[in-house]
Amino acid sequence: PGIRGISSRIRVRSIVGRFLEHSR
């Protein structure tokens, strides 16, 4: 993400906590 002219409008986050995030 975040490459000018290629992916500048894409944001990626990861959340790791007590429960395993599994829903799509």
PDBML (XML) file of the C-alpha atoms, coordinates in Angstrom:
<?xml version="1.0" encoding="UTF-8" ?>
<PDBx:datablock datablockName="MODEL"
   xmlns:PDBx="http://pdbml.pdb.org/schema/pdbx-v50.xsd"
   xmlns:xsi="http://www.w3.org/2001/XMLSchema-instance"
   xsi:schemaLocation="http://pdbml.pdb.org/schema/pdbx-v50.xsd pdbx-v50.xsd">
   <PDBx:atom_siteCategory>
      <PDBx:atom_site id="1">
         <PDBx:B_iso_or_equiv>0.00</PDBx:B_iso_or_equiv>
         <PDBx:Cartn_x>0.000</PDBx:Cartn_x>
         <PDBx:Cartn_y>0.000</PDBx:Cartn_y>
         <PDBx:Cartn_z>0.000</PDBx:Cartn_z>
         <PDBx:auth_asym_id>A</PDBx:auth_asym_id>
         <PDBx:auth_atom_id>CA</PDBx:auth_atom_id>
         <PDBx:auth_comp_id>PRO</PDBx:auth_comp_id>
         <PDBx:auth_seq_id>1</PDBx:auth_seq_id>
         <PDBx:group_PDB>ATOM</PDBx:group_PDB>
         <PDBx:label_alt_id xsi:nil="true" />
         <PDBx:label_asym_id>A</PDBx:label_asym_id>
         <PDBx:label_atom_id>CA</PDBx:label_atom_id>
         <PDBx:label_comp_id>PRO</PDBx:label_comp_id>
         <PDBx:label_entity_id>1</PDBx:label_entity_id>
         <PDBx:label_seq_id>1</PDBx:label_seq_id>
         <PDBx:occupancy>1.00</PDBx:occupancy>
         <PDBx:pdbx_PDB_model_num>1</PDBx:pdbx_PDB_model_num>
         <PDBx:type_symbol>C</PDBx:type_symbol>
      </PDBx:atom_site>
      <PDBx:atom_site id="2">
         <PDBx:B_iso_or_equiv>0.00</PDBx:B_iso_or_equiv>
         <PDBx:Cartn_x>0.847</PDBx:Cartn_x>
         <PDBx:Cartn_y>3.681</PDBx:Cartn_y>
         <PDBx:Cartn_z>-0.126</PDBx:Cartn_z>
         <PDBx:auth_asym_id>A</PDBx:auth_asym_id>
         <PDBx:auth_atom_id>CA</PDBx:auth_atom_id>
         <PDBx:auth_comp_id>GLY</PDBx:auth_comp_id>
         <PDBx:auth_seq_id>2</PDBx:auth_seq_id>
         <PDBx:group_PDB>ATOM</PDBx:group_PDB>
         <PDBx:label_alt_id xsi:nil="true" />
         <PDBx:label_asym_id>A</PDBx:label_asym_id>
         <PDBx:label_atom_id>CA</PDBx:label_atom_id>
         <PDBx:label_comp_id>GLY</PDBx:label_comp_id>
         <PDBx:label_entity_id>1</PDBx:label_entity_id>
         <PDBx:label_seq_id>2</PDBx:label_seq_id>
         <PDBx:occupancy>1.00</PDBx:occupancy>
         <PDBx:pdbx_PDB_model_num>1</PDBx:pdbx_PDB_model_num>
         <PDBx:type_symbol>C</PDBx:type_symbol>
      </PDBx:atom_site>
      <PDBx:atom_site id="3">
         <PDBx:B_iso_or_equiv>0.00</PDBx:B_iso_or_equiv>
         <PDBx:Cartn_x>2.914</PDBx:Cartn_x>
         <PDBx:Cartn_y>3.762</PDBx:Cartn_y>
         <PDBx:Cartn_z>-3.327</PDBx:Cartn_z>
         <PDBx:auth_asym_id>A</PDBx:auth_asym_id>
         <PDBx:auth_atom_id>CA</PDBx:auth_atom_id>
         <PDBx:auth_comp_id>ILE</PDBx:auth_comp_id>
         <PDBx:auth_seq_id>3</PDBx:auth_seq_id>
         <PDBx:group_PDB>ATOM</PDBx:group_PDB>
         <PDBx:label_alt_id xsi:nil="true" />
         <PDBx:label_asym_id>A</PDBx:label_asym_id>
         <PDBx:label_atom_id>CA</PDBx:label_atom_id>
         <PDBx:label_comp_id>ILE</PDBx:label_comp_id>
         <PDBx:label_entity_id>1</PDBx:label_entity_id>
         <PDBx:label_seq_id>3</PDBx:label_seq_id>
         <PDBx:occupancy>1.00</PDBx:occupancy>
         <PDBx:pdbx_PDB_model_num>1</PDBx:pdbx_PDB_model_num>
         <PDBx:type_symbol>C</PDBx:type_symbol>
      </PDBx:atom_site>
      <PDBx:atom_site id="4">
         <PDBx:B_iso_or_equiv>0.00</PDBx:B_iso_or_equiv>
         <PDBx:Cartn_x>2.346</PDBx:Cartn_x>
         <PDBx:Cartn_y>7.026</PDBx:Cartn_y>
         <PDBx:Cartn_z>-5.171</PDBx:Cartn_z>
         <PDBx:auth_asym_id>A</PDBx:auth_asym_id>
         <PDBx:auth_atom_id>CA</PDBx:auth_atom_id>
         <PDBx:auth_comp_id>ARG</PDBx:auth_comp_id>
         <PDBx:auth_seq_id>4</PDBx:auth_seq_id>
         <PDBx:group_PDB>ATOM</PDBx:group_PDB>
         <PDBx:label_alt_id xsi:nil="true" />
         <PDBx:label_asym_id>A</PDBx:label_asym_id>
         <PDBx:label_atom_id>CA</PDBx:label_atom_id>
         <PDBx:label_comp_id>ARG</PDBx:label_comp_id>
         <PDBx:label_entity_id>1</PDBx:label_entity_id>
         <PDBx:label_seq_id>4</PDBx:label_seq_id>
         <PDBx:occupancy>1.00</PDBx:occupancy>
         <PDBx:pdbx_PDB_model_num>1</PDBx:pdbx_PDB_model_num>
         <PDBx:type_symbol>C</PDBx:type_symbol>
      </PDBx:atom_site>
      <PDBx:atom_site id="5">
         <PDBx:B_iso_or_equiv>0.00</PDBx:B_iso_or_equiv>
         <PDBx:Cartn_x>0.591</PDBx:Cartn_x>
         <PDBx:Cartn_y>6.494</PDBx:Cartn_y>
         <PDBx:Cartn_z>-8.478</PDBx:Cartn_z>
         <PDBx:auth_asym_id>A</PDBx:auth_asym_id>
         <PDBx:auth_atom_id>CA</PDBx:auth_atom_id>
         <PDBx:auth_comp_id>GLY</PDBx:auth_comp_id>
         <PDBx:auth_seq_id>5</PDBx:auth_seq_id>
         <PDBx:group_PDB>ATOM</PDBx:group_PDB>
         <PDBx:label_alt_id xsi:nil="true" />
         <PDBx:label_asym_id>A</PDBx:label_asym_id>
         <PDBx:label_atom_id>CA</PDBx:label_atom_id>
         <PDBx:label_comp_id>GLY</PDBx:label_comp_id>
         <PDBx:label_entity_id>1</PDBx:label_entity_id>
         <PDBx:label_seq_id>5</PDBx:label_seq_id>
         <PDBx:occupancy>1.00</PDBx:occupancy>
         <PDBx:pdbx_PDB_model_num>1</PDBx:pdbx_PDB_model_num>
         <PDBx:type_symbol>C</PDBx:type_symbol>
      </PDBx:atom_site>
      <PDBx:atom_site id="6">
         <PDBx:B_iso_or_equiv>0.00</PDBx:B_iso_or_equiv>
         <PDBx:Cartn_x>0.011</PDBx:Cartn_x>
         <PDBx:Cartn_y>2.804</PDBx:Cartn_y>
         <PDBx:Cartn_z>-7.798</PDBx:Cartn_z>
         <PDBx:auth_asym_id>A</PDBx:auth_asym_id>
         <PDBx:auth_atom_id>CA</PDBx:auth_atom_id>
         <PDBx:auth_comp_id>ILE</PDBx:auth_comp_id>
         <PDBx:auth_seq_id>6</PDBx:auth_seq_id>
         <PDBx:group_PDB>ATOM</PDBx:group_PDB>
         <PDBx:label_alt_id xsi:nil="true" />
         <PDBx:label_asym_id>A</PDBx:label_asym_id>
         <PDBx:label_atom_id>CA</PDBx:label_atom_id>
         <PDBx:label_comp_id>ILE</PDBx:label_comp_id>
         <PDBx:label_entity_id>1</PDBx:label_entity_id>
         <PDBx:label_seq_id>6</PDBx:label_seq_id>
         <PDBx:occupancy>1.00</PDBx:occupancy>
         <PDBx:pdbx_PDB_model_num>1</PDBx:pdbx_PDB_model_num>
         <PDBx:type_symbol>C</PDBx:type_symbol>
      </PDBx:atom_site>
      <PDBx:atom_site id="7">
         <PDBx:B_iso_or_equiv>0.00</PDBx:B_iso_or_equiv>
         <PDBx:Cartn_x>-1.577</PDBx:Cartn_x>
         <PDBx:Cartn_y>2.144</PDBx:Cartn_y>
         <PDBx:Cartn_z>-4.417</PDBx:Cartn_z>
         <PDBx:auth_asym_id>A</PDBx:auth_asym_id>
         <PDBx:auth_atom_id>CA</PDBx:auth_atom_id>
         <PDBx:auth_comp_id>SER</PDBx:auth_comp_id>
         <PDBx:auth_seq_id>7</PDBx:auth_seq_id>
         <PDBx:group_PDB>ATOM</PDBx:group_PDB>
         <PDBx:label_alt_id xsi:nil="true" />
         <PDBx:label_asym_id>A</PDBx:label_asym_id>
         <PDBx:label_atom_id>CA</PDBx:label_atom_id>
         <PDBx:label_comp_id>SER</PDBx:label_comp_id>
         <PDBx:label_entity_id>1</PDBx:label_entity_id>
         <PDBx:label_seq_id>7</PDBx:label_seq_id>
         <PDBx:occupancy>1.00</PDBx:occupancy>
         <PDBx:pdbx_PDB_model_num>1</PDBx:pdbx_PDB_model_num>
         <PDBx:type_symbol>C</PDBx:type_symbol>
      </PDBx:atom_site>
      <PDBx:atom_site id="8">
         <PDBx:B_iso_or_equiv>0.00</PDBx:B_iso_or_equiv>
         <PDBx:Cartn_x>-1.801</PDBx:Cartn_x>
         <PDBx:Cartn_y>5.544</PDBx:Cartn_y>
         <PDBx:Cartn_z>-2.718</PDBx:Cartn_z>
         <PDBx:auth_asym_id>A</PDBx:auth_asym_id>
         <PDBx:auth_atom_id>CA</PDBx:auth_atom_id>
         <PDBx:auth_comp_id>SER</PDBx:auth_comp_id>
         <PDBx:auth_seq_id>8</PDBx:auth_seq_id>
         <PDBx:group_PDB>ATOM</PDBx:group_PDB>
         <PDBx:label_alt_id xsi:nil="true" />
         <PDBx:label_asym_id>A</PDBx:label_asym_id>
         <PDBx:label_atom_id>CA</PDBx:label_atom_id>
         <PDBx:label_comp_id>SER</PDBx:label_comp_id>
         <PDBx:label_entity_id>1</PDBx:label_entity_id>
         <PDBx:label_seq_id>8</PDBx:label_seq_id>
         <PDBx:occupancy>1.00</PDBx:occupancy>
         <PDBx:pdbx_PDB_model_num>1</PDBx:pdbx_PDB_model_num>
         <PDBx:type_symbol>C</PDBx:type_symbol>
      </PDBx:atom_site>
      <PDBx:atom_site id="9">
         <PDBx:B_iso_or_equiv>0.00</PDBx:B_iso_or_equiv>
         <PDBx:Cartn_x>-5.505</PDBx:Cartn_x>
         <PDBx:Cartn_y>5.043</PDBx:Cartn_y>
         <PDBx:Cartn_z>-1.937</PDBx:Cartn_z>
         <PDBx:auth_asym_id>A</PDBx:auth_asym_id>
         <PDBx:auth_atom_id>CA</PDBx:auth_atom_id>
         <PDBx:auth_comp_id>ARG</PDBx:auth_comp_id>
         <PDBx:auth_seq_id>9</PDBx:auth_seq_id>
         <PDBx:group_PDB>ATOM</PDBx:group_PDB>
         <PDBx:label_alt_id xsi:nil="true" />
         <PDBx:label_asym_id>A</PDBx:label_asym_id>
         <PDBx:label_atom_id>CA</PDBx:label_atom_id>
         <PDBx:label_comp_id>ARG</PDBx:label_comp_id>
         <PDBx:label_entity_id>1</PDBx:label_entity_id>
         <PDBx:label_seq_id>9</PDBx:label_seq_id>
         <PDBx:occupancy>1.00</PDBx:occupancy>
         <PDBx:pdbx_PDB_model_num>1</PDBx:pdbx_PDB_model_num>
         <PDBx:type_symbol>C</PDBx:type_symbol>
      </PDBx:atom_site>
      <PDBx:atom_site id="10">
         <PDBx:B_iso_or_equiv>0.00</PDBx:B_iso_or_equiv>
         <PDBx:Cartn_x>-5.033</PDBx:Cartn_x>
         <PDBx:Cartn_y>1.621</PDBx:Cartn_y>
         <PDBx:Cartn_z>-0.344</PDBx:Cartn_z>
         <PDBx:auth_asym_id>A</PDBx:auth_asym_id>
         <PDBx:auth_atom_id>CA</PDBx:auth_atom_id>
         <PDBx:auth_comp_id>ILE</PDBx:auth_comp_id>
         <PDBx:auth_seq_id>10</PDBx:auth_seq_id>
         <PDBx:group_PDB>ATOM</PDBx:group_PDB>
         <PDBx:label_alt_id xsi:nil="true" />
         <PDBx:label_asym_id>A</PDBx:label_asym_id>
         <PDBx:label_atom_id>CA</PDBx:label_atom_id>
         <PDBx:label_comp_id>ILE</PDBx:label_comp_id>
         <PDBx:label_entity_id>1</PDBx:label_entity_id>
         <PDBx:label_seq_id>10</PDBx:label_seq_id>
         <PDBx:occupancy>1.00</PDBx:occupancy>
         <PDBx:pdbx_PDB_model_num>1</PDBx:pdbx_PDB_model_num>
         <PDBx:type_symbol>C</PDBx:type_symbol>
      </PDBx:atom_site>
      <PDBx:atom_site id="11">
         <PDBx:B_iso_or_equiv>0.00</PDBx:B_iso_or_equiv>
         <PDBx:Cartn_x>-4.662</PDBx:Cartn_x>
         <PDBx:Cartn_y>1.221</PDBx:Cartn_y>
         <PDBx:Cartn_z>3.426</PDBx:Cartn_z>
         <PDBx:auth_asym_id>A</PDBx:auth_asym_id>
         <PDBx:auth_atom_id>CA</PDBx:auth_atom_id>
         <PDBx:auth_comp_id>ARG</PDBx:auth_comp_id>
         <PDBx:auth_seq_id>11</PDBx:auth_seq_id>
         <PDBx:group_PDB>ATOM</PDBx:group_PDB>
         <PDBx:label_alt_id xsi:nil="true" />
         <PDBx:label_asym_id>A</PDBx:label_asym_id>
         <PDBx:label_atom_id>CA</PDBx:label_atom_id>
         <PDBx:label_comp_id>ARG</PDBx:label_comp_id>
         <PDBx:label_entity_id>1</PDBx:label_entity_id>
         <PDBx:label_seq_id>11</PDBx:label_seq_id>
         <PDBx:occupancy>1.00</PDBx:occupancy>
         <PDBx:pdbx_PDB_model_num>1</PDBx:pdbx_PDB_model_num>
         <PDBx:type_symbol>C</PDBx:type_symbol>
      </PDBx:atom_site>
      <PDBx:atom_site id="12">
         <PDBx:B_iso_or_equiv>0.00</PDBx:B_iso_or_equiv>
         <PDBx:Cartn_x>-3.871</PDBx:Cartn_x>
         <PDBx:Cartn_y>-2.113</PDBx:Cartn_y>
         <PDBx:Cartn_z>5.088</PDBx:Cartn_z>
         <PDBx:auth_asym_id>A</PDBx:auth_asym_id>
         <PDBx:auth_atom_id>CA</PDBx:auth_atom_id>
         <PDBx:auth_comp_id>VAL</PDBx:auth_comp_id>
         <PDBx:auth_seq_id>12</PDBx:auth_seq_id>
         <PDBx:group_PDB>ATOM</PDBx:group_PDB>
         <PDBx:label_alt_id xsi:nil="true" />
         <PDBx:label_asym_id>A</PDBx:label_asym_id>
         <PDBx:label_atom_id>CA</PDBx:label_atom_id>
         <PDBx:label_comp_id>VAL</PDBx:label_comp_id>
         <PDBx:label_entity_id>1</PDBx:label_entity_id>
         <PDBx:label_seq_id>12</PDBx:label_seq_id>
         <PDBx:occupancy>1.00</PDBx:occupancy>
         <PDBx:pdbx_PDB_model_num>1</PDBx:pdbx_PDB_model_num>
         <PDBx:type_symbol>C</PDBx:type_symbol>
      </PDBx:atom_site>
      <PDBx:atom_site id="13">
         <PDBx:B_iso_or_equiv>0.00</PDBx:B_iso_or_equiv>
         <PDBx:Cartn_x>-4.210</PDBx:Cartn_x>
         <PDBx:Cartn_y>-2.913</PDBx:Cartn_y>
         <PDBx:Cartn_z>8.791</PDBx:Cartn_z>
         <PDBx:auth_asym_id>A</PDBx:auth_asym_id>
         <PDBx:auth_atom_id>CA</PDBx:auth_atom_id>
         <PDBx:auth_comp_id>ARG</PDBx:auth_comp_id>
         <PDBx:auth_seq_id>13</PDBx:auth_seq_id>
         <PDBx:group_PDB>ATOM</PDBx:group_PDB>
         <PDBx:label_alt_id xsi:nil="true" />
         <PDBx:label_asym_id>A</PDBx:label_asym_id>
         <PDBx:label_atom_id>CA</PDBx:label_atom_id>
         <PDBx:label_comp_id>ARG</PDBx:label_comp_id>
         <PDBx:label_entity_id>1</PDBx:label_entity_id>
         <PDBx:label_seq_id>13</PDBx:label_seq_id>
         <PDBx:occupancy>1.00</PDBx:occupancy>
         <PDBx:pdbx_PDB_model_num>1</PDBx:pdbx_PDB_model_num>
         <PDBx:type_symbol>C</PDBx:type_symbol>
      </PDBx:atom_site>
      <PDBx:atom_site id="14">
         <PDBx:B_iso_or_equiv>0.00</PDBx:B_iso_or_equiv>
         <PDBx:Cartn_x>-3.880</PDBx:Cartn_x>
         <PDBx:Cartn_y>-6.068</PDBx:Cartn_y>
         <PDBx:Cartn_z>10.837</PDBx:Cartn_z>
         <PDBx:auth_asym_id>A</PDBx:auth_asym_id>
         <PDBx:auth_atom_id>CA</PDBx:auth_atom_id>
         <PDBx:auth_comp_id>SER</PDBx:auth_comp_id>
         <PDBx:auth_seq_id>14</PDBx:auth_seq_id>
         <PDBx:group_PDB>ATOM</PDBx:group_PDB>
         <PDBx:label_alt_id xsi:nil="true" />
         <PDBx:label_asym_id>A</PDBx:label_asym_id>
         <PDBx:label_atom_id>CA</PDBx:label_atom_id>
         <PDBx:label_comp_id>SER</PDBx:label_comp_id>
         <PDBx:label_entity_id>1</PDBx:label_entity_id>
         <PDBx:label_seq_id>14</PDBx:label_seq_id>
         <PDBx:occupancy>1.00</PDBx:occupancy>
         <PDBx:pdbx_PDB_model_num>1</PDBx:pdbx_PDB_model_num>
         <PDBx:type_symbol>C</PDBx:type_symbol>
      </PDBx:atom_site>
      <PDBx:atom_site id="15">
         <PDBx:B_iso_or_equiv>0.00</PDBx:B_iso_or_equiv>
         <PDBx:Cartn_x>-5.601</PDBx:Cartn_x>
         <PDBx:Cartn_y>-6.688</PDBx:Cartn_y>
         <PDBx:Cartn_z>14.172</PDBx:Cartn_z>
         <PDBx:auth_asym_id>A</PDBx:auth_asym_id>
         <PDBx:auth_atom_id>CA</PDBx:auth_atom_id>
         <PDBx:auth_comp_id>ILE</PDBx:auth_comp_id>
         <PDBx:auth_seq_id>15</PDBx:auth_seq_id>
         <PDBx:group_PDB>ATOM</PDBx:group_PDB>
         <PDBx:label_alt_id xsi:nil="true" />
         <PDBx:label_asym_id>A</PDBx:label_asym_id>
         <PDBx:label_atom_id>CA</PDBx:label_atom_id>
         <PDBx:label_comp_id>ILE</PDBx:label_comp_id>
         <PDBx:label_entity_id>1</PDBx:label_entity_id>
         <PDBx:label_seq_id>15</PDBx:label_seq_id>
         <PDBx:occupancy>1.00</PDBx:occupancy>
         <PDBx:pdbx_PDB_model_num>1</PDBx:pdbx_PDB_model_num>
         <PDBx:type_symbol>C</PDBx:type_symbol>
      </PDBx:atom_site>
      <PDBx:atom_site id="16">
         <PDBx:B_iso_or_equiv>0.00</PDBx:B_iso_or_equiv>
         <PDBx:Cartn_x>-4.291</PDBx:Cartn_x>
         <PDBx:Cartn_y>-9.433</PDBx:Cartn_y>
         <PDBx:Cartn_z>16.431</PDBx:Cartn_z>
         <PDBx:auth_asym_id>A</PDBx:auth_asym_id>
         <PDBx:auth_atom_id>CA</PDBx:auth_atom_id>
         <PDBx:auth_comp_id>VAL</PDBx:auth_comp_id>
         <PDBx:auth_seq_id>16</PDBx:auth_seq_id>
         <PDBx:group_PDB>ATOM</PDBx:group_PDB>
         <PDBx:label_alt_id xsi:nil="true" />
         <PDBx:label_asym_id>A</PDBx:label_asym_id>
         <PDBx:label_atom_id>CA</PDBx:label_atom_id>
         <PDBx:label_comp_id>VAL</PDBx:label_comp_id>
         <PDBx:label_entity_id>1</PDBx:label_entity_id>
         <PDBx:label_seq_id>16</PDBx:label_seq_id>
         <PDBx:occupancy>1.00</PDBx:occupancy>
         <PDBx:pdbx_PDB_model_num>1</PDBx:pdbx_PDB_model_num>
         <PDBx:type_symbol>C</PDBx:type_symbol>
      </PDBx:atom_site>
      <PDBx:atom_site id="17">
         <PDBx:B_iso_or_equiv>0.00</PDBx:B_iso_or_equiv>
         <PDBx:Cartn_x>-5.854</PDBx:Cartn_x>
         <PDBx:Cartn_y>-9.733</PDBx:Cartn_y>
         <PDBx:Cartn_z>19.868</PDBx:Cartn_z>
         <PDBx:auth_asym_id>A</PDBx:auth_asym_id>
         <PDBx:auth_atom_id>CA</PDBx:auth_atom_id>
         <PDBx:auth_comp_id>GLY</PDBx:auth_comp_id>
         <PDBx:auth_seq_id>17</PDBx:auth_seq_id>
         <PDBx:group_PDB>ATOM</PDBx:group_PDB>
         <PDBx:label_alt_id xsi:nil="true" />
         <PDBx:label_asym_id>A</PDBx:label_asym_id>
         <PDBx:label_atom_id>CA</PDBx:label_atom_id>
         <PDBx:label_comp_id>GLY</PDBx:label_comp_id>
         <PDBx:label_entity_id>1</PDBx:label_entity_id>
         <PDBx:label_seq_id>17</PDBx:label_seq_id>
         <PDBx:occupancy>1.00</PDBx:occupancy>
         <PDBx:pdbx_PDB_model_num>1</PDBx:pdbx_PDB_model_num>
         <PDBx:type_symbol>C</PDBx:type_symbol>
      </PDBx:atom_site>
      <PDBx:atom_site id="18">
         <PDBx:B_iso_or_equiv>0.00</PDBx:B_iso_or_equiv>
         <PDBx:Cartn_x>-7.383</PDBx:Cartn_x>
         <PDBx:Cartn_y>-12.125</PDBx:Cartn_y>
         <PDBx:Cartn_z>22.345</PDBx:Cartn_z>
         <PDBx:auth_asym_id>A</PDBx:auth_asym_id>
         <PDBx:auth_atom_id>CA</PDBx:auth_atom_id>
         <PDBx:auth_comp_id>ARG</PDBx:auth_comp_id>
         <PDBx:auth_seq_id>18</PDBx:auth_seq_id>
         <PDBx:group_PDB>ATOM</PDBx:group_PDB>
         <PDBx:label_alt_id xsi:nil="true" />
         <PDBx:label_asym_id>A</PDBx:label_asym_id>
         <PDBx:label_atom_id>CA</PDBx:label_atom_id>
         <PDBx:label_comp_id>ARG</PDBx:label_comp_id>
         <PDBx:label_entity_id>1</PDBx:label_entity_id>
         <PDBx:label_seq_id>18</PDBx:label_seq_id>
         <PDBx:occupancy>1.00</PDBx:occupancy>
         <PDBx:pdbx_PDB_model_num>1</PDBx:pdbx_PDB_model_num>
         <PDBx:type_symbol>C</PDBx:type_symbol>
      </PDBx:atom_site>
      <PDBx:atom_site id="19">
         <PDBx:B_iso_or_equiv>0.00</PDBx:B_iso_or_equiv>
         <PDBx:Cartn_x>-9.643</PDBx:Cartn_x>
         <PDBx:Cartn_y>-13.701</PDBx:Cartn_y>
         <PDBx:Cartn_z>19.719</PDBx:Cartn_z>
         <PDBx:auth_asym_id>A</PDBx:auth_asym_id>
         <PDBx:auth_atom_id>CA</PDBx:auth_atom_id>
         <PDBx:auth_comp_id>PHE</PDBx:auth_comp_id>
         <PDBx:auth_seq_id>19</PDBx:auth_seq_id>
         <PDBx:group_PDB>ATOM</PDBx:group_PDB>
         <PDBx:label_alt_id xsi:nil="true" />
         <PDBx:label_asym_id>A</PDBx:label_asym_id>
         <PDBx:label_atom_id>CA</PDBx:label_atom_id>
         <PDBx:label_comp_id>PHE</PDBx:label_comp_id>
         <PDBx:label_entity_id>1</PDBx:label_entity_id>
         <PDBx:label_seq_id>19</PDBx:label_seq_id>
         <PDBx:occupancy>1.00</PDBx:occupancy>
         <PDBx:pdbx_PDB_model_num>1</PDBx:pdbx_PDB_model_num>
         <PDBx:type_symbol>C</PDBx:type_symbol>
      </PDBx:atom_site>
      <PDBx:atom_site id="20">
         <PDBx:B_iso_or_equiv>0.00</PDBx:B_iso_or_equiv>
         <PDBx:Cartn_x>-8.511</PDBx:Cartn_x>
         <PDBx:Cartn_y>-14.928</PDBx:Cartn_y>
         <PDBx:Cartn_z>16.324</PDBx:Cartn_z>
         <PDBx:auth_asym_id>A</PDBx:auth_asym_id>
         <PDBx:auth_atom_id>CA</PDBx:auth_atom_id>
         <PDBx:auth_comp_id>LEU</PDBx:auth_comp_id>
         <PDBx:auth_seq_id>20</PDBx:auth_seq_id>
         <PDBx:group_PDB>ATOM</PDBx:group_PDB>
         <PDBx:label_alt_id xsi:nil="true" />
         <PDBx:label_asym_id>A</PDBx:label_asym_id>
         <PDBx:label_atom_id>CA</PDBx:label_atom_id>
         <PDBx:label_comp_id>LEU</PDBx:label_comp_id>
         <PDBx:label_entity_id>1</PDBx:label_entity_id>
         <PDBx:label_seq_id>20</PDBx:label_seq_id>
         <PDBx:occupancy>1.00</PDBx:occupancy>
         <PDBx:pdbx_PDB_model_num>1</PDBx:pdbx_PDB_model_num>
         <PDBx:type_symbol>C</PDBx:type_symbol>
      </PDBx:atom_site>
      <PDBx:atom_site id="21">
         <PDBx:B_iso_or_equiv>0.00</PDBx:B_iso_or_equiv>
         <PDBx:Cartn_x>-10.064</PDBx:Cartn_x>
         <PDBx:Cartn_y>-12.700</PDBx:Cartn_y>
         <PDBx:Cartn_z>13.652</PDBx:Cartn_z>
         <PDBx:auth_asym_id>A</PDBx:auth_asym_id>
         <PDBx:auth_atom_id>CA</PDBx:auth_atom_id>
         <PDBx:auth_comp_id>GLU</PDBx:auth_comp_id>
         <PDBx:auth_seq_id>21</PDBx:auth_seq_id>
         <PDBx:group_PDB>ATOM</PDBx:group_PDB>
         <PDBx:label_alt_id xsi:nil="true" />
         <PDBx:label_asym_id>A</PDBx:label_asym_id>
         <PDBx:label_atom_id>CA</PDBx:label_atom_id>
         <PDBx:label_comp_id>GLU</PDBx:label_comp_id>
         <PDBx:label_entity_id>1</PDBx:label_entity_id>
         <PDBx:label_seq_id>21</PDBx:label_seq_id>
         <PDBx:occupancy>1.00</PDBx:occupancy>
         <PDBx:pdbx_PDB_model_num>1</PDBx:pdbx_PDB_model_num>
         <PDBx:type_symbol>C</PDBx:type_symbol>
      </PDBx:atom_site>
      <PDBx:atom_site id="22">
         <PDBx:B_iso_or_equiv>0.00</PDBx:B_iso_or_equiv>
         <PDBx:Cartn_x>-11.588</PDBx:Cartn_x>
         <PDBx:Cartn_y>-15.171</PDBx:Cartn_y>
         <PDBx:Cartn_z>11.238</PDBx:Cartn_z>
         <PDBx:auth_asym_id>A</PDBx:auth_asym_id>
         <PDBx:auth_atom_id>CA</PDBx:auth_atom_id>
         <PDBx:auth_comp_id>HIS</PDBx:auth_comp_id>
         <PDBx:auth_seq_id>22</PDBx:auth_seq_id>
         <PDBx:group_PDB>ATOM</PDBx:group_PDB>
         <PDBx:label_alt_id xsi:nil="true" />
         <PDBx:label_asym_id>A</PDBx:label_asym_id>
         <PDBx:label_atom_id>CA</PDBx:label_atom_id>
         <PDBx:label_comp_id>HIS</PDBx:label_comp_id>
         <PDBx:label_entity_id>1</PDBx:label_entity_id>
         <PDBx:label_seq_id>22</PDBx:label_seq_id>
         <PDBx:occupancy>1.00</PDBx:occupancy>
         <PDBx:pdbx_PDB_model_num>1</PDBx:pdbx_PDB_model_num>
         <PDBx:type_symbol>C</PDBx:type_symbol>
      </PDBx:atom_site>
      <PDBx:atom_site id="23">
         <PDBx:B_iso_or_equiv>0.00</PDBx:B_iso_or_equiv>
         <PDBx:Cartn_x>-14.603</PDBx:Cartn_x>
         <PDBx:Cartn_y>-13.540</PDBx:Cartn_y>
         <PDBx:Cartn_z>9.564</PDBx:Cartn_z>
         <PDBx:auth_asym_id>A</PDBx:auth_asym_id>
         <PDBx:auth_atom_id>CA</PDBx:auth_atom_id>
         <PDBx:auth_comp_id>SER</PDBx:auth_comp_id>
         <PDBx:auth_seq_id>23</PDBx:auth_seq_id>
         <PDBx:group_PDB>ATOM</PDBx:group_PDB>
         <PDBx:label_alt_id xsi:nil="true" />
         <PDBx:label_asym_id>A</PDBx:label_asym_id>
         <PDBx:label_atom_id>CA</PDBx:label_atom_id>
         <PDBx:label_comp_id>SER</PDBx:label_comp_id>
         <PDBx:label_entity_id>1</PDBx:label_entity_id>
         <PDBx:label_seq_id>23</PDBx:label_seq_id>
         <PDBx:occupancy>1.00</PDBx:occupancy>
         <PDBx:pdbx_PDB_model_num>1</PDBx:pdbx_PDB_model_num>
         <PDBx:type_symbol>C</PDBx:type_symbol>
      </PDBx:atom_site>
      <PDBx:atom_site id="24">
         <PDBx:B_iso_or_equiv>0.00</PDBx:B_iso_or_equiv>
         <PDBx:Cartn_x>-14.385</PDBx:Cartn_x>
         <PDBx:Cartn_y>-12.545</PDBx:Cartn_y>
         <PDBx:Cartn_z>5.923</PDBx:Cartn_z>
         <PDBx:auth_asym_id>A</PDBx:auth_asym_id>
         <PDBx:auth_atom_id>CA</PDBx:auth_atom_id>
         <PDBx:auth_comp_id>ARG</PDBx:auth_comp_id>
         <PDBx:auth_seq_id>24</PDBx:auth_seq_id>
         <PDBx:group_PDB>ATOM</PDBx:group_PDB>
         <PDBx:label_alt_id xsi:nil="true" />
         <PDBx:label_asym_id>A</PDBx:label_asym_id>
         <PDBx:label_atom_id>CA</PDBx:label_atom_id>
         <PDBx:label_comp_id>ARG</PDBx:label_comp_id>
         <PDBx:label_entity_id>1</PDBx:label_entity_id>
         <PDBx:label_seq_id>24</PDBx:label_seq_id>
         <PDBx:occupancy>1.00</PDBx:occupancy>
         <PDBx:pdbx_PDB_model_num>1</PDBx:pdbx_PDB_model_num>
         <PDBx:type_symbol>C</PDBx:type_symbol>
      </PDBx:atom_site>
   </PDBx:atom_siteCategory>
</PDBx:datablock>
